[in-house]
């Protein structure tokens, strides 16, 4: 009997050496020069995107064929030190809405700050999104990097690595299918399987796929053994080669996807050369296609574009990408 593809399977290009392409929400150009000047003149805060068309743009991206839509988990807006509100909406509430307004795109988190959340509630929320989306969900997890948040959530910033490991163990235990009358076994919390407690719903597959963002205060070996994918920051191609080679060496007998986000300012001139910007590229579409091919040859399975640095209307950028770039990088 054939096994249904997982959400991660859908992010791996059937051609093998080409990445699939997704988008990081919000779909707004609030970091572009024109918008920055307008927001400053109007007294609007930096880093808070315009979400008035969030559902229409997500549905458009889905219809255009982007492989995935990713949301970020920023619990508290910190204009003094970080100045970025991320996707703004509460993560799992947002994902439930996206599950209803999309049909085919994989939905993912990039990434949920696990040490700030109760793992059993994360397990229930993630399995719910997985079920409501028809198995289209990837749970990206991070240990977090904003020290101010931890005491406000009753968590220890310096212990977040250990808290992260314990949280992942709890997630896997909560999602596991069991035979007979036994329930979850969580010895560290004093829960015996004979108590017959369960987290419902169960995922559509054996587990909700987990992608670990960055290092999450863990060793590369631990991530390769406990995650289903690596969700890693963008790097120049030379540094990327080293990182993807390390991942292949660690997961060689059990290959796992390597995913990366990238900020993108797609210029109107299709022949404009690629130049580096923070965590990404400013480029025309022709150079973008070549750069993405190079990333795929180095072992990147999926690239998600953050379009916030753009100085063009987002729907225009989406349609250009769909018409001229996506055809080079088909998804499953």
C-alpha atoms as a PDB file:
ATOM      1  CA  UNK A   1       0.000   0.000   0.000  1.00  0.00           C
ATOM      2  CA  UNK A   2       1.415   3.393  -1.008  1.00  0.00           C
ATOM      3  CA  UNK A   3       2.151   5.942   1.707  1.00  0.00           C
ATOM      4  CA  UNK A   4       0.666   9.414   1.248  1.00  0.00           C
ATOM      5  CA  UNK A   5       3.303  12.135   0.804  1.00  0.00           C
ATOM      6  CA  UNK A   6       3.978  14.309   3.830  1.00  0.00           C
ATOM      7  CA  UNK A   7       4.020  18.095   3.766  1.00  0.00           C
ATOM      8  CA  UNK A   8       7.813  17.922   3.671  1.00  0.00           C
ATOM      9  CA  UNK A   9       7.678  15.553   0.699  1.00  0.00           C
ATOM     10  CA  UNK A  10       5.721  18.234  -1.146  1.00  0.00           C
ATOM     11  CA  UNK A  11       8.560  20.699  -0.591  1.00  0.00           C
ATOM     12  CA  UNK A  12      11.088  18.475  -2.349  1.00  0.00           C
ATOM     13  CA  UNK A  13      11.234  19.031  -6.094  1.00  0.00           C
ATOM     14  CA  UNK A  14      10.682  15.844  -8.116  1.00  0.00           C
ATOM     15  CA  UNK A  15      13.659  16.930 -10.279  1.00  0.00           C
ATOM     16  CA  UNK A  16      15.904  16.439  -7.254  1.00  0.00           C
ATOM     17  CA  UNK A  17      18.485  19.207  -7.703  1.00  0.00           C
ATOM     18  CA  UNK A  18      16.048  22.119  -7.980  1.00  0.00           C
ATOM     19  CA  UNK A  19      14.441  23.830  -4.976  1.00  0.00           C
ATOM     20  CA  UNK A  20      10.727  24.422  -4.632  1.00  0.00           C
ATOM     21  CA  UNK A  21       9.722  28.020  -3.955  1.00  0.00           C
ATOM     22  CA  UNK A  22       7.518  29.443  -1.224  1.00  0.00           C
ATOM     23  CA  UNK A  23       6.753  32.747   0.468  1.00  0.00           C
ATOM     24  CA  UNK A  24       7.236  34.096   3.958  1.00  0.00           C
ATOM     25  CA  UNK A  25       4.334  36.126   5.275  1.00  0.00           C
ATOM     26  CA  UNK A  26       3.403  38.946   5.626  1.00  0.00           C
ATOM     27  CA  UNK A  27       3.015  39.689   1.929  1.00  0.00           C
ATOM     28  CA  UNK A  28       3.764  43.383   2.151  1.00  0.00           C
ATOM     29  CA  UNK A  29       6.466  45.768   0.909  1.00  0.00           C
ATOM     30  CA  UNK A  30       6.820  47.702   4.156  1.00  0.00           C
ATOM     31  CA  UNK A  31      10.647  47.579   4.100  1.00  0.00           C
ATOM     32  CA  UNK A  32      10.910  49.068   0.586  1.00  0.00           C
ATOM     33  CA  UNK A  33      12.185  52.635   0.265  1.00  0.00           C
ATOM     34  CA  UNK A  34       8.945  54.165  -1.030  1.00  0.00           C
ATOM     35  CA  UNK A  35       6.875  52.616   1.726  1.00  0.00           C
ATOM     36  CA  UNK A  36       9.394  53.456   4.446  1.00  0.00           C
ATOM     37  CA  UNK A  37       9.251  57.123   3.502  1.00  0.00           C
ATOM     38  CA  UNK A  38       5.448  57.126   3.382  1.00  0.00           C
ATOM     39  CA  UNK A  39       5.164  55.371   6.742  1.00  0.00           C
ATOM     40  CA  UNK A  40       7.641  57.752   8.325  1.00  0.00           C
ATOM     41  CA  UNK A  41       5.774  60.781   6.987  1.00  0.00           C
ATOM     42  CA  UNK A  42       2.481  59.383   8.313  1.00  0.00           C
ATOM     43  CA  UNK A  43       3.968  58.489  11.698  1.00  0.00           C
ATOM     44  CA  UNK A  44       3.359  54.759  11.242  1.00  0.00           C
ATOM     45  CA  UNK A  45       5.708  52.458  13.222  1.00  0.00           C
ATOM     46  CA  UNK A  46       8.469  50.579  11.458  1.00  0.00           C
ATOM     47  CA  UNK A  47       8.110  46.824  11.137  1.00  0.00           C
ATOM     48  CA  UNK A  48       4.308  46.630  11.383  1.00  0.00           C
ATOM     49  CA  UNK A  49       3.020  45.465   7.985  1.00  0.00           C
ATOM     50  CA  UNK A  50      -0.239  46.331   6.272  1.00  0.00           C
ATOM     51  CA  UNK A  51      -2.460  43.272   6.660  1.00  0.00           C
ATOM     52  CA  UNK A  52      -5.588  44.646   4.998  1.00  0.00           C
ATOM     53  CA  UNK A  53      -5.199  42.243   2.041  1.00  0.00           C
ATOM     54  CA  UNK A  54      -3.531  39.353   3.841  1.00  0.00           C
ATOM     55  CA  UNK A  55      -6.188  36.766   2.949  1.00  0.00           C
ATOM     56  CA  UNK A  56      -6.524  37.838  -0.693  1.00  0.00           C
ATOM     57  CA  UNK A  57      -2.741  37.766  -1.210  1.00  0.00           C
ATOM     58  CA  UNK A  58      -2.355  34.370   0.474  1.00  0.00           C
ATOM     59  CA  UNK A  59      -5.116  32.955  -1.724  1.00  0.00           C
ATOM     60  CA  UNK A  60      -3.483  34.516  -4.798  1.00  0.00           C
ATOM     61  CA  UNK A  61      -0.106  32.977  -3.910  1.00  0.00           C
ATOM     62  CA  UNK A  62      -1.774  29.593  -3.508  1.00  0.00           C
ATOM     63  CA  UNK A  63      -3.551  29.902  -6.865  1.00  0.00           C
ATOM     64  CA  UNK A  64      -0.311  30.987  -8.577  1.00  0.00           C
ATOM     65  CA  UNK A  65       1.400  27.771  -7.501  1.00  0.00           C
ATOM     66  CA  UNK A  66       3.840  28.733  -4.748  1.00  0.00           C
ATOM     67  CA  UNK A  67       4.789  25.591  -2.845  1.00  0.00           C
ATOM     68  CA  UNK A  68       4.455  26.971   0.688  1.00  0.00           C
ATOM     69  CA  UNK A  69       3.387  29.874   2.877  1.00  0.00           C
ATOM     70  CA  UNK A  70       5.379  30.437   6.074  1.00  0.00           C
ATOM     71  CA  UNK A  71       4.431  32.513   9.118  1.00  0.00           C
ATOM     72  CA  UNK A  72       6.699  33.870  11.819  1.00  0.00           C
ATOM     73  CA  UNK A  73       6.173  33.700  15.574  1.00  0.00           C
ATOM     74  CA  UNK A  74       6.899  37.088  17.192  1.00  0.00           C
ATOM     75  CA  UNK A  75       5.052  37.066  20.537  1.00  0.00           C
ATOM     76  CA  UNK A  76       5.806  40.695  21.471  1.00  0.00           C
ATOM     77  CA  UNK A  77       6.481  43.683  19.217  1.00  0.00           C
ATOM     78  CA  UNK A  78       9.678  45.381  20.407  1.00  0.00           C
ATOM     79  CA  UNK A  79      10.161  48.662  18.494  1.00  0.00           C
ATOM     80  CA  UNK A  80      13.139  49.686  20.626  1.00  0.00           C
ATOM     81  CA  UNK A  81      15.480  46.754  19.954  1.00  0.00           C
ATOM     82  CA  UNK A  82      14.043  44.612  17.132  1.00  0.00           C
ATOM     83  CA  UNK A  83      11.502  46.737  15.262  1.00  0.00           C
ATOM     84  CA  UNK A  84       9.820  43.843  13.460  1.00  0.00           C
ATOM     85  CA  UNK A  85       6.343  42.558  14.295  1.00  0.00           C
ATOM     86  CA  UNK A  86       6.723  39.500  12.031  1.00  0.00           C
ATOM     87  CA  UNK A  87       3.431  38.097  10.775  1.00  0.00           C
ATOM     88  CA  UNK A  88       1.560  40.007  13.561  1.00  0.00           C
ATOM     89  CA  UNK A  89      -1.316  37.532  13.988  1.00  0.00           C
ATOM     90  CA  UNK A  90      -1.085  34.828  16.649  1.00  0.00           C
ATOM     91  CA  UNK A  91       0.618  31.969  14.861  1.00  0.00           C
ATOM     92  CA  UNK A  92      -1.815  29.072  15.135  1.00  0.00           C
ATOM     93  CA  UNK A  93      -4.902  31.255  14.784  1.00  0.00           C
ATOM     94  CA  UNK A  94      -3.398  32.617  11.582  1.00  0.00           C
ATOM     95  CA  UNK A  95      -2.585  29.122  10.312  1.00  0.00           C
ATOM     96  CA  UNK A  96      -6.160  27.958  10.887  1.00  0.00           C
ATOM     97  CA  UNK A  97      -7.361  30.854   8.755  1.00  0.00           C
ATOM     98  CA  UNK A  98      -4.786  30.100   6.051  1.00  0.00           C
ATOM     99  CA  UNK A  99      -5.899  26.469   5.989  1.00  0.00           C
ATOM    100  CA  UNK A 100      -9.372  27.715   5.073  1.00  0.00           C
ATOM    101  CA  UNK A 101      -8.344  30.191   2.338  1.00  0.00           C
ATOM    102  CA  UNK A 102      -5.755  27.982   0.569  1.00  0.00           C
ATOM    103  CA  UNK A 103      -6.044  24.637  -1.195  1.00  0.00           C
ATOM    104  CA  UNK A 104      -2.611  23.283  -2.093  1.00  0.00           C
ATOM    105  CA  UNK A 105       0.256  25.276  -0.547  1.00  0.00           C
ATOM    106  CA  UNK A 106       2.111  23.748   2.382  1.00  0.00           C
ATOM    107  CA  UNK A 107       1.722  25.872   5.530  1.00  0.00           C
ATOM    108  CA  UNK A 108       4.666  26.287   7.862  1.00  0.00           C
ATOM    109  CA  UNK A 109       6.016  28.182  10.849  1.00  0.00           C
ATOM    110  CA  UNK A 110       9.393  29.899  10.619  1.00  0.00           C
ATOM    111  CA  UNK A 111       9.492  29.425  13.495  1.00  0.00           C
ATOM    112  CA  UNK A 112       7.519  28.851  16.717  1.00  0.00           C
ATOM    113  CA  UNK A 113       9.577  29.788  19.785  1.00  0.00           C
ATOM    114  CA  UNK A 114       9.041  26.535  21.660  1.00  0.00           C
ATOM    115  CA  UNK A 115      10.551  27.480  25.065  1.00  0.00           C
ATOM    116  CA  UNK A 116       7.953  30.261  25.416  1.00  0.00           C
ATOM    117  CA  UNK A 117       5.005  27.913  24.889  1.00  0.00           C
ATOM    118  CA  UNK A 118       3.462  24.982  26.728  1.00  0.00           C
ATOM    119  CA  UNK A 119       4.483  21.940  24.621  1.00  0.00           C
ATOM    120  CA  UNK A 120       1.232  19.991  25.054  1.00  0.00           C
ATOM    121  CA  UNK A 121      -0.748  22.993  23.803  1.00  0.00           C
ATOM    122  CA  UNK A 122       1.668  23.346  20.872  1.00  0.00           C
ATOM    123  CA  UNK A 123       1.138  19.653  20.132  1.00  0.00           C
ATOM    124  CA  UNK A 124      -2.633  20.105  20.066  1.00  0.00           C
ATOM    125  CA  UNK A 125      -2.489  23.323  17.999  1.00  0.00           C
ATOM    126  CA  UNK A 126      -0.050  21.864  15.467  1.00  0.00           C
ATOM    127  CA  UNK A 127      -2.014  18.640  15.034  1.00  0.00           C
ATOM    128  CA  UNK A 128      -5.192  20.701  14.605  1.00  0.00           C
ATOM    129  CA  UNK A 129      -3.629  22.778  11.799  1.00  0.00           C
ATOM    130  CA  UNK A 130      -2.314  19.590  10.221  1.00  0.00           C
ATOM    131  CA  UNK A 131      -5.785  18.033  10.275  1.00  0.00           C
ATOM    132  CA  UNK A 132      -7.626  21.179   9.132  1.00  0.00           C
ATOM    133  CA  UNK A 133      -5.213  21.678   6.224  1.00  0.00           C
ATOM    134  CA  UNK A 134      -5.365  18.065   5.078  1.00  0.00           C
ATOM    135  CA  UNK A 135      -1.780  17.230   6.046  1.00  0.00           C
ATOM    136  CA  UNK A 136      -0.219  20.401   4.619  1.00  0.00           C
ATOM    137  CA  UNK A 137       1.603  21.564   7.757  1.00  0.00           C
ATOM    138  CA  UNK A 138       5.298  21.764   8.741  1.00  0.00           C
ATOM    139  CA  UNK A 139       6.100  22.902  12.282  1.00  0.00           C
ATOM    140  CA  UNK A 140       9.252  25.007  12.281  1.00  0.00           C
ATOM    141  CA  UNK A 141      10.664  25.356  15.794  1.00  0.00           C
ATOM    142  CA  UNK A 142      13.217  27.738  17.296  1.00  0.00           C
ATOM    143  CA  UNK A 143      14.698  28.372  20.722  1.00  0.00           C
ATOM    144  CA  UNK A 144      14.252  32.150  20.359  1.00  0.00           C
ATOM    145  CA  UNK A 145      16.684  35.063  20.503  1.00  0.00           C
ATOM    146  CA  UNK A 146      14.884  37.914  22.301  1.00  0.00           C
ATOM    147  CA  UNK A 147      15.921  37.816  25.977  1.00  0.00           C
ATOM    148  CA  UNK A 148      13.277  40.341  27.071  1.00  0.00           C
ATOM    149  CA  UNK A 149      10.465  37.887  26.302  1.00  0.00           C
ATOM    150  CA  UNK A 150      11.533  34.997  28.550  1.00  0.00           C
ATOM    151  CA  UNK A 151      10.843  36.379  32.049  1.00  0.00           C
ATOM    152  CA  UNK A 152       7.518  37.759  30.797  1.00  0.00           C
ATOM    153  CA  UNK A 153       6.484  34.210  29.871  1.00  0.00           C
ATOM    154  CA  UNK A 154       7.969  32.661  33.005  1.00  0.00           C
ATOM    155  CA  UNK A 155      10.839  31.050  31.068  1.00  0.00           C
ATOM    156  CA  UNK A 156      14.606  31.010  31.583  1.00  0.00           C
ATOM    157  CA  UNK A 157      16.505  32.450  28.604  1.00  0.00           C
ATOM    158  CA  UNK A 158      19.751  30.709  29.559  1.00  0.00           C
ATOM    159  CA  UNK A 159      18.035  27.327  29.931  1.00  0.00           C
ATOM    160  CA  UNK A 160      16.191  27.563  26.598  1.00  0.00           C
ATOM    161  CA  UNK A 161      18.325  24.862  24.959  1.00  0.00           C
ATOM    162  CA  UNK A 162      17.343  22.227  27.507  1.00  0.00           C
ATOM    163  CA  UNK A 163      13.742  23.465  27.498  1.00  0.00           C
ATOM    164  CA  UNK A 164      13.699  23.127  23.702  1.00  0.00           C
ATOM    165  CA  UNK A 165      14.882  19.491  23.796  1.00  0.00           C
ATOM    166  CA  UNK A 166      12.331  18.580  26.444  1.00  0.00           C
ATOM    167  CA  UNK A 167       9.608  20.296  24.414  1.00  0.00           C
ATOM    168  CA  UNK A 168      10.420  18.326  21.261  1.00  0.00           C
ATOM    169  CA  UNK A 169      10.288  15.071  23.261  1.00  0.00           C
ATOM    170  CA  UNK A 170       6.857  16.065  24.580  1.00  0.00           C
ATOM    171  CA  UNK A 171       5.570  16.885  21.080  1.00  0.00           C
ATOM    172  CA  UNK A 172       6.632  13.524  19.698  1.00  0.00           C
ATOM    173  CA  UNK A 173       5.099  11.683  22.656  1.00  0.00           C
ATOM    174  CA  UNK A 174       1.816  13.585  22.300  1.00  0.00           C
ATOM    175  CA  UNK A 175       1.502  12.815  18.573  1.00  0.00           C
ATOM    176  CA  UNK A 176       2.463   9.134  18.754  1.00  0.00           C
ATOM    177  CA  UNK A 177      -0.198   6.562  17.871  1.00  0.00           C
ATOM    178  CA  UNK A 178      -0.750   3.885  20.500  1.00  0.00           C
ATOM    179  CA  UNK A 179      -2.275   0.449  20.552  1.00  0.00           C
ATOM    180  CA  UNK A 180      -4.564  -0.830  23.260  1.00  0.00           C
ATOM    181  CA  UNK A 181      -5.621   1.154  26.301  1.00  0.00           C
ATOM    182  CA  UNK A 182      -2.406   3.012  27.099  1.00  0.00           C
ATOM    183  CA  UNK A 183      -2.072   6.767  26.869  1.00  0.00           C
ATOM    184  CA  UNK A 184       0.843   9.174  26.718  1.00  0.00           C
ATOM    185  CA  UNK A 185       3.977   8.388  28.658  1.00  0.00           C
ATOM    186  CA  UNK A 186       5.777  11.488  29.971  1.00  0.00           C
ATOM    187  CA  UNK A 187       8.004  10.233  32.811  1.00  0.00           C
ATOM    188  CA  UNK A 188       9.661  13.630  33.327  1.00  0.00           C
ATOM    189  CA  UNK A 189       6.205  15.072  34.104  1.00  0.00           C
ATOM    190  CA  UNK A 190       5.097  12.105  36.162  1.00  0.00           C
ATOM    191  CA  UNK A 191       2.552  10.917  33.597  1.00  0.00           C
ATOM    192  CA  UNK A 192       2.143   7.159  33.372  1.00  0.00           C
ATOM    193  CA  UNK A 193       0.586   5.574  30.250  1.00  0.00           C
ATOM    194  CA  UNK A 194      -1.915   3.777  32.455  1.00  0.00           C
ATOM    195  CA  UNK A 195      -3.590   7.123  33.148  1.00  0.00           C
ATOM    196  CA  UNK A 196      -4.775   7.005  29.488  1.00  0.00           C
ATOM    197  CA  UNK A 197      -4.435  10.722  28.734  1.00  0.00           C
ATOM    198  CA  UNK A 198      -4.183  11.756  25.091  1.00  0.00           C
ATOM    199  CA  UNK A 199      -3.747  14.859  22.952  1.00  0.00           C
ATOM    200  CA  UNK A 200      -6.283  14.991  20.116  1.00  0.00           C
ATOM    201  CA  UNK A 201      -6.489  15.239  17.188  1.00  0.00           C
ATOM    202  CA  UNK A 202      -3.673  12.987  16.050  1.00  0.00           C
ATOM    203  CA  UNK A 203      -1.661  14.155  13.015  1.00  0.00           C
ATOM    204  CA  UNK A 204      -2.655  12.964   9.557  1.00  0.00           C
ATOM    205  CA  UNK A 205       0.623  11.019   9.384  1.00  0.00           C
ATOM    206  CA  UNK A 206       2.852   9.420  12.014  1.00  0.00           C
ATOM    207  CA  UNK A 207       3.921  12.883  13.228  1.00  0.00           C
ATOM    208  CA  UNK A 208       3.652  16.537  12.356  1.00  0.00           C
ATOM    209  CA  UNK A 209       6.913  17.182  10.439  1.00  0.00           C
ATOM    210  CA  UNK A 210       9.377  19.247  12.490  1.00  0.00           C
ATOM    211  CA  UNK A 211      11.954  21.615  10.989  1.00  0.00           C
ATOM    212  CA  UNK A 212      14.471  23.089  13.425  1.00  0.00           C
ATOM    213  CA  UNK A 213      15.416  26.708  12.698  1.00  0.00           C
ATOM    214  CA  UNK A 214      19.095  27.549  13.036  1.00  0.00           C
ATOM    215  CA  UNK A 215      20.837  25.674  15.816  1.00  0.00           C
ATOM    216  CA  UNK A 216      18.186  26.207  18.519  1.00  0.00           C
ATOM    217  CA  UNK A 217      20.998  25.867  21.094  1.00  0.00           C
ATOM    218  CA  UNK A 218      21.550  22.253  19.949  1.00  0.00           C
ATOM    219  CA  UNK A 219      24.363  20.349  18.287  1.00  0.00           C
ATOM    220  CA  UNK A 220      24.107  19.617  14.582  1.00  0.00           C
ATOM    221  CA  UNK A 221      24.073  15.919  15.471  1.00  0.00           C
ATOM    222  CA  UNK A 222      21.044  16.318  17.759  1.00  0.00           C
ATOM    223  CA  UNK A 223      19.147  18.243  15.074  1.00  0.00           C
ATOM    224  CA  UNK A 224      19.911  15.627  12.423  1.00  0.00           C
ATOM    225  CA  UNK A 225      18.565  12.893  14.691  1.00  0.00           C
ATOM    226  CA  UNK A 226      15.501  14.661  16.110  1.00  0.00           C
ATOM    227  CA  UNK A 227      14.279  16.959  13.320  1.00  0.00           C
ATOM    228  CA  UNK A 228      12.721  16.049   9.993  1.00  0.00           C
ATOM    229  CA  UNK A 229      14.333  19.027   8.223  1.00  0.00           C
ATOM    230  CA  UNK A 230      16.796  21.852   8.742  1.00  0.00           C
ATOM    231  CA  UNK A 231      15.413  25.394   8.407  1.00  0.00           C
ATOM    232  CA  UNK A 232      18.532  27.489   8.098  1.00  0.00           C
ATOM    233  CA  UNK A 233      19.397  31.102   7.520  1.00  0.00           C
ATOM    234  CA  UNK A 234      20.524  32.275   4.067  1.00  0.00           C
ATOM    235  CA  UNK A 235      24.246  32.324   3.371  1.00  0.00           C
ATOM    236  CA  UNK A 236      26.546  33.261   0.477  1.00  0.00           C
ATOM    237  CA  UNK A 237      26.990  30.286  -1.831  1.00  0.00           C
ATOM    238  CA  UNK A 238      30.441  29.413  -0.495  1.00  0.00           C
ATOM    239  CA  UNK A 239      29.242  29.249   3.107  1.00  0.00           C
ATOM    240  CA  UNK A 240      26.052  27.508   1.977  1.00  0.00           C
ATOM    241  CA  UNK A 241      28.109  24.751   0.359  1.00  0.00           C
ATOM    242  CA  UNK A 242      29.758  23.979   3.698  1.00  0.00           C
ATOM    243  CA  UNK A 243      26.465  24.005   5.590  1.00  0.00           C
ATOM    244  CA  UNK A 244      24.559  21.757   3.195  1.00  0.00           C
ATOM    245  CA  UNK A 245      27.508  19.351   3.007  1.00  0.00           C
ATOM    246  CA  UNK A 246      27.502  19.088   6.802  1.00  0.00           C
ATOM    247  CA  UNK A 247      23.754  18.342   6.709  1.00  0.00           C
ATOM    248  CA  UNK A 248      24.194  15.671   4.039  1.00  0.00           C
ATOM    249  CA  UNK A 249      27.020  14.060   6.002  1.00  0.00           C
ATOM    250  CA  UNK A 250      24.848  13.903   9.117  1.00  0.00           C
ATOM    251  CA  UNK A 251      21.718  12.607   7.358  1.00  0.00           C
ATOM    252  CA  UNK A 252      23.332  10.620   4.545  1.00  0.00           C
ATOM    253  CA  UNK A 253      21.640   7.314   5.320  1.00  0.00           C
ATOM    254  CA  UNK A 254      18.326   9.062   5.938  1.00  0.00           C
ATOM    255  CA  UNK A 255      18.314  12.201   3.713  1.00  0.00           C
ATOM    256  CA  UNK A 256      16.304  15.073   5.110  1.00  0.00           C
ATOM    257  CA  UNK A 257      15.362  18.380   3.429  1.00  0.00           C
ATOM    258  CA  UNK A 258      17.379  21.543   3.879  1.00  0.00           C
ATOM    259  CA  UNK A 259      15.112  24.629   3.797  1.00  0.00           C
ATOM    260  CA  UNK A 260      16.134  28.276   3.727  1.00  0.00           C
ATOM    261  CA  UNK A 261      14.358  31.654   3.716  1.00  0.00           C
ATOM    262  CA  UNK A 262      15.674  34.579   1.651  1.00  0.00           C
ATOM    263  CA  UNK A 263      14.803  38.261   1.515  1.00  0.00           C
ATOM    264  CA  UNK A 264      14.102  39.261  -2.075  1.00  0.00           C
ATOM    265  CA  UNK A 265      13.883  42.631  -3.787  1.00  0.00           C
ATOM    266  CA  UNK A 266      12.861  41.632  -7.326  1.00  0.00           C
ATOM    267  CA  UNK A 267      13.725  44.479  -9.678  1.00  0.00           C
ATOM    268  CA  UNK A 268      11.589  45.397 -12.679  1.00  0.00           C
ATOM    269  CA  UNK A 269      14.562  45.015 -15.045  1.00  0.00           C
ATOM    270  CA  UNK A 270      14.693  41.267 -15.815  1.00  0.00           C
ATOM    271  CA  UNK A 271      18.419  41.473 -16.671  1.00  0.00           C
ATOM    272  CA  UNK A 272      19.489  43.330 -13.511  1.00  0.00           C
ATOM    273  CA  UNK A 273      22.452  41.560 -11.874  1.00  0.00           C
ATOM    274  CA  UNK A 274      22.149  40.019  -8.429  1.00  0.00           C
ATOM    275  CA  UNK A 275      23.578  42.007  -5.532  1.00  0.00           C
ATOM    276  CA  UNK A 276      23.557  41.104  -1.874  1.00  0.00           C
ATOM    277  CA  UNK A 277      21.227  42.694   0.652  1.00  0.00           C
ATOM    278  CA  UNK A 278      20.792  41.699   4.276  1.00  0.00           C
ATOM    279  CA  UNK A 279      19.794  38.033   4.312  1.00  0.00           C
ATOM    280  CA  UNK A 280      19.062  37.919   0.604  1.00  0.00           C
ATOM    281  CA  UNK A 281      19.261  39.422  -2.874  1.00  0.00           C
ATOM    282  CA  UNK A 282      18.305  42.433  -4.941  1.00  0.00           C
ATOM    283  CA  UNK A 283      18.063  41.097  -8.486  1.00  0.00           C
ATOM    284  CA  UNK A 284      16.255  40.773 -11.762  1.00  0.00           C
ATOM    285  CA  UNK A 285      14.477  37.532 -12.556  1.00  0.00           C
ATOM    286  CA  UNK A 286      17.145  36.125 -14.900  1.00  0.00           C
ATOM    287  CA  UNK A 287      19.917  36.258 -12.300  1.00  0.00           C
ATOM    288  CA  UNK A 288      17.471  35.008  -9.660  1.00  0.00           C
ATOM    289  CA  UNK A 289      16.795  31.831 -11.646  1.00  0.00           C
ATOM    290  CA  UNK A 290      20.526  31.150 -11.963  1.00  0.00           C
ATOM    291  CA  UNK A 291      21.122  31.792  -8.272  1.00  0.00           C
ATOM    292  CA  UNK A 292      18.300  29.444  -7.284  1.00  0.00           C
ATOM    293  CA  UNK A 293      19.707  26.756  -9.576  1.00  0.00           C
ATOM    294  CA  UNK A 294      23.049  27.106  -7.806  1.00  0.00           C
ATOM    295  CA  UNK A 295      21.334  26.773  -4.414  1.00  0.00           C
ATOM    296  CA  UNK A 296      19.599  23.618  -5.583  1.00  0.00           C
ATOM    297  CA  UNK A 297      22.841  22.096  -6.815  1.00  0.00           C
ATOM    298  CA  UNK A 298      24.283  22.664  -3.345  1.00  0.00           C
ATOM    299  CA  UNK A 299      21.441  20.710  -1.748  1.00  0.00           C
ATOM    300  CA  UNK A 300      18.781  23.293  -0.838  1.00  0.00           C
ATOM    301  CA  UNK A 301      15.341  21.661  -1.109  1.00  0.00           C
ATOM    302  CA  UNK A 302      13.140  24.718  -0.602  1.00  0.00           C
ATOM    303  CA  UNK A 303      13.568  28.514  -0.665  1.00  0.00           C
ATOM    304  CA  UNK A 304      10.974  30.873   0.826  1.00  0.00           C
ATOM    305  CA  UNK A 305      10.980  34.500  -0.302  1.00  0.00           C
ATOM    306  CA  UNK A 306      10.454  37.373   2.115  1.00  0.00           C
ATOM    307  CA  UNK A 307       9.254  40.191  -0.180  1.00  0.00           C
ATOM    308  CA  UNK A 308       9.188  42.982   2.401  1.00  0.00           C
ATOM    309  CA  UNK A 309      12.297  44.781   0.955  1.00  0.00           C
ATOM    310  CA  UNK A 310      10.482  45.182  -2.386  1.00  0.00           C
ATOM    311  CA  UNK A 311       9.737  48.612  -3.833  1.00  0.00           C
ATOM    312  CA  UNK A 312       7.051  47.272  -6.171  1.00  0.00           C
ATOM    313  CA  UNK A 313       3.415  46.265  -5.545  1.00  0.00           C
ATOM    314  CA  UNK A 314       3.370  42.796  -4.017  1.00  0.00           C
ATOM    315  CA  UNK A 315       0.722  41.377  -6.356  1.00  0.00           C
ATOM    316  CA  UNK A 316       2.862  42.497  -9.315  1.00  0.00           C
ATOM    317  CA  UNK A 317       5.932  40.751  -7.871  1.00  0.00           C
ATOM    318  CA  UNK A 318       3.949  37.581  -7.155  1.00  0.00           C
ATOM    319  CA  UNK A 319       2.653  37.415 -10.718  1.00  0.00           C
ATOM    320  CA  UNK A 320       6.092  38.005 -12.236  1.00  0.00           C
ATOM    321  CA  UNK A 321       7.591  35.274 -10.081  1.00  0.00           C
ATOM    322  CA  UNK A 322       4.754  32.915 -10.996  1.00  0.00           C
ATOM    323  CA  UNK A 323       5.014  33.634 -14.723  1.00  0.00           C
ATOM    324  CA  UNK A 324       8.801  33.672 -15.140  1.00  0.00           C
ATOM    325  CA  UNK A 325      10.490  31.925 -12.203  1.00  0.00           C
ATOM    326  CA  UNK A 326       8.154  29.238 -10.814  1.00  0.00           C
ATOM    327  CA  UNK A 327       8.061  27.297 -14.110  1.00  0.00           C
ATOM    328  CA  UNK A 328      11.785  26.554 -13.669  1.00  0.00           C
ATOM    329  CA  UNK A 329      11.177  25.089 -10.198  1.00  0.00           C
ATOM    330  CA  UNK A 330       8.091  22.832 -10.142  1.00  0.00           C
ATOM    331  CA  UNK A 331       6.735  21.453  -6.885  1.00  0.00           C
ATOM    332  CA  UNK A 332       5.170  18.079  -6.232  1.00  0.00           C
END
